[in-house]
Amino acid sequence: MEKRNVLDSIKINIESHLGEKVTLKANGGRKKVVVNSGIIEKVYPSIFVVRLENDTQRTVTYSYSDVLTKTVQIVFAG
């Protein structure tokens, strides 16, 4: 039950920064780290959507468990 509370707190934290600029560091596999900047566009019960800054047509989605397991690191620009 405690893991659920941690995921809920991650979701609430990301939801409070909705519409703000963020920098994402994602594990790309095979010792690759992908760094992207964008804006948190939408928040859903299990995922959140980030519209990338360099390409306005491209969005990426991540789950809250990605943040929990540190597959994705979020740096808020505010």
C-alpha atoms as a PDB file:
ATOM      1  CA  MET A   1       0.000   0.000   0.000  1.00  0.00           C
ATOM      2  CA  GLU A   2       2.913   2.326   0.648  1.00  0.00           C
ATOM      3  CA  LYS A   3       4.072   2.089  -2.977  1.00  0.00           C
ATOM      4  CA  ARG A   4       0.647   3.331  -4.083  1.00  0.00           C
ATOM      5  CA  ASN A   5       1.023   6.372  -1.811  1.00  0.00           C
ATOM      6  CA  VAL A   6       4.422   7.155  -3.327  1.00  0.00           C
ATOM      7  CA  LEU A   7       3.029   6.930  -6.862  1.00  0.00           C
ATOM      8  CA  ASP A   8       0.113   9.173  -5.851  1.00  0.00           C
ATOM      9  CA  SER A   9       2.491  11.765  -4.424  1.00  0.00           C
ATOM     10  CA  ILE A  10       4.559  11.685  -7.651  1.00  0.00           C
ATOM     11  CA  LYS A  11       1.367  12.198  -9.675  1.00  0.00           C
ATOM     12  CA  ILE A  12       0.246  15.101  -7.483  1.00  0.00           C
ATOM     13  CA  ASN A  13       3.677  16.710  -7.758  1.00  0.00           C
ATOM     14  CA  ILE A  14       3.719  16.443 -11.562  1.00  0.00           C
ATOM     15  CA  GLU A  15       0.102  17.600 -11.749  1.00  0.00           C
ATOM     16  CA  SER A  16       0.988  20.735  -9.768  1.00  0.00           C
ATOM     17  CA  HIS A  17       3.514  21.630 -12.493  1.00  0.00           C
ATOM     18  CA  LEU A  18       1.045  21.159 -15.381  1.00  0.00           C
ATOM     19  CA  GLY A  19       1.830  23.577 -18.225  1.00  0.00           C
ATOM     20  CA  GLU A  20       5.329  24.308 -16.943  1.00  0.00           C
ATOM     21  CA  LYS A  21       8.636  23.775 -18.686  1.00  0.00           C
ATOM     22  CA  VAL A  22      10.648  20.689 -17.689  1.00  0.00           C
ATOM     23  CA  THR A  23      13.861  18.947 -18.622  1.00  0.00           C
ATOM     24  CA  LEU A  24      13.701  15.158 -18.899  1.00  0.00           C
ATOM     25  CA  LYS A  25      16.641  12.791 -18.622  1.00  0.00           C
ATOM     26  CA  ALA A  26      15.529   9.370 -19.821  1.00  0.00           C
ATOM     27  CA  ASN A  27      17.424   6.099 -19.922  1.00  0.00           C
ATOM     28  CA  GLY A  28      17.703   5.203 -23.609  1.00  0.00           C
ATOM     29  CA  GLY A  29      19.234   1.770 -23.023  1.00  0.00           C
ATOM     30  CA  ARG A  30      22.781   0.587 -23.703  1.00  0.00           C
ATOM     31  CA  LYS A  31      24.320   3.368 -21.610  1.00  0.00           C
ATOM     32  CA  LYS A  32      22.477   6.089 -23.533  1.00  0.00           C
ATOM     33  CA  VAL A  33      20.821   8.997 -21.787  1.00  0.00           C
ATOM     34  CA  VAL A  34      18.315  11.037 -23.772  1.00  0.00           C
ATOM     35  CA  VAL A  35      17.834  14.644 -22.627  1.00  0.00           C
ATOM     36  CA  ASN A  36      14.741  16.554 -23.795  1.00  0.00           C
ATOM     37  CA  SER A  37      13.071  19.814 -22.840  1.00  0.00           C
ATOM     38  CA  GLY A  38       9.354  20.337 -23.052  1.00  0.00           C
ATOM     39  CA  ILE A  39       6.125  21.301 -21.356  1.00  0.00           C
ATOM     40  CA  ILE A  40       3.923  18.995 -19.290  1.00  0.00           C
ATOM     41  CA  GLU A  41       0.781  18.943 -21.388  1.00  0.00           C
ATOM     42  CA  LYS A  42      -1.589  16.398 -19.827  1.00  0.00           C
ATOM     43  CA  VAL A  43      -1.776  14.253 -16.723  1.00  0.00           C
ATOM     44  CA  TYR A  44      -3.668  10.953 -16.710  1.00  0.00           C
ATOM     45  CA  PRO A  45      -4.186   8.359 -13.933  1.00  0.00           C
ATOM     46  CA  SER A  46      -1.159   6.263 -14.962  1.00  0.00           C
ATOM     47  CA  ILE A  47       0.860   8.413 -17.383  1.00  0.00           C
ATOM     48  CA  PHE A  48       1.765  12.009 -18.157  1.00  0.00           C
ATOM     49  CA  VAL A  49       2.374  13.631 -21.550  1.00  0.00           C
ATOM     50  CA  VAL A  50       5.203  16.041 -22.367  1.00  0.00           C
ATOM     51  CA  ARG A  51       5.223  18.078 -25.599  1.00  0.00           C
ATOM     52  CA  LEU A  52       8.823  18.440 -26.719  1.00  0.00           C
ATOM     53  CA  GLU A  53      10.175  21.927 -27.211  1.00  0.00           C
ATOM     54  CA  ASN A  54      12.346  21.263 -30.268  1.00  0.00           C
ATOM     55  CA  ASP A  55       9.496  19.659 -32.240  1.00  0.00           C
ATOM     56  CA  THR A  56       6.015  20.991 -31.483  1.00  0.00           C
ATOM     57  CA  GLN A  57       4.339  17.991 -33.135  1.00  0.00           C
ATOM     58  CA  ARG A  58       6.103  15.362 -31.013  1.00  0.00           C
ATOM     59  CA  THR A  59       4.957  14.246 -27.592  1.00  0.00           C
ATOM     60  CA  VAL A  60       6.385  11.656 -25.243  1.00  0.00           C
ATOM     61  CA  THR A  61       4.590   9.793 -22.493  1.00  0.00           C
ATOM     62  CA  TYR A  62       5.999   8.404 -19.272  1.00  0.00           C
ATOM     63  CA  SER A  63       4.465   6.540 -16.390  1.00  0.00           C
ATOM     64  CA  TYR A  64       4.774   7.569 -12.771  1.00  0.00           C
ATOM     65  CA  SER A  65       6.582   4.300 -12.080  1.00  0.00           C
ATOM     66  CA  ASP A  66       9.285   5.464 -14.547  1.00  0.00           C
ATOM     67  CA  VAL A  67       9.895   8.403 -12.224  1.00  0.00           C
ATOM     68  CA  LEU A  68       9.786   6.142  -9.161  1.00  0.00           C
ATOM     69  CA  THR A  69      12.347   3.715 -10.592  1.00  0.00           C
ATOM     70  CA  LYS A  70      14.482   6.620 -11.871  1.00  0.00           C
ATOM     71  CA  THR A  71      14.205   5.512 -15.499  1.00  0.00           C
ATOM     72  CA  VAL A  72      13.183   9.140 -16.077  1.00  0.00           C
ATOM     73  CA  GLN A  73      14.389  12.130 -14.085  1.00  0.00           C
ATOM     74  CA  ILE A  74      12.395  15.359 -14.192  1.00  0.00           C
ATOM     75  CA  VAL A  75      13.878  18.779 -13.507  1.00  0.00           C
ATOM     76  CA  PHE A  76      11.262  21.502 -13.150  1.00  0.00           C
ATOM     77  CA  ALA A  77      12.288  24.864 -14.582  1.00  0.00           C
ATOM     78  CA  GLY A  78      10.338  26.871 -12.005  1.00  0.00           C
END
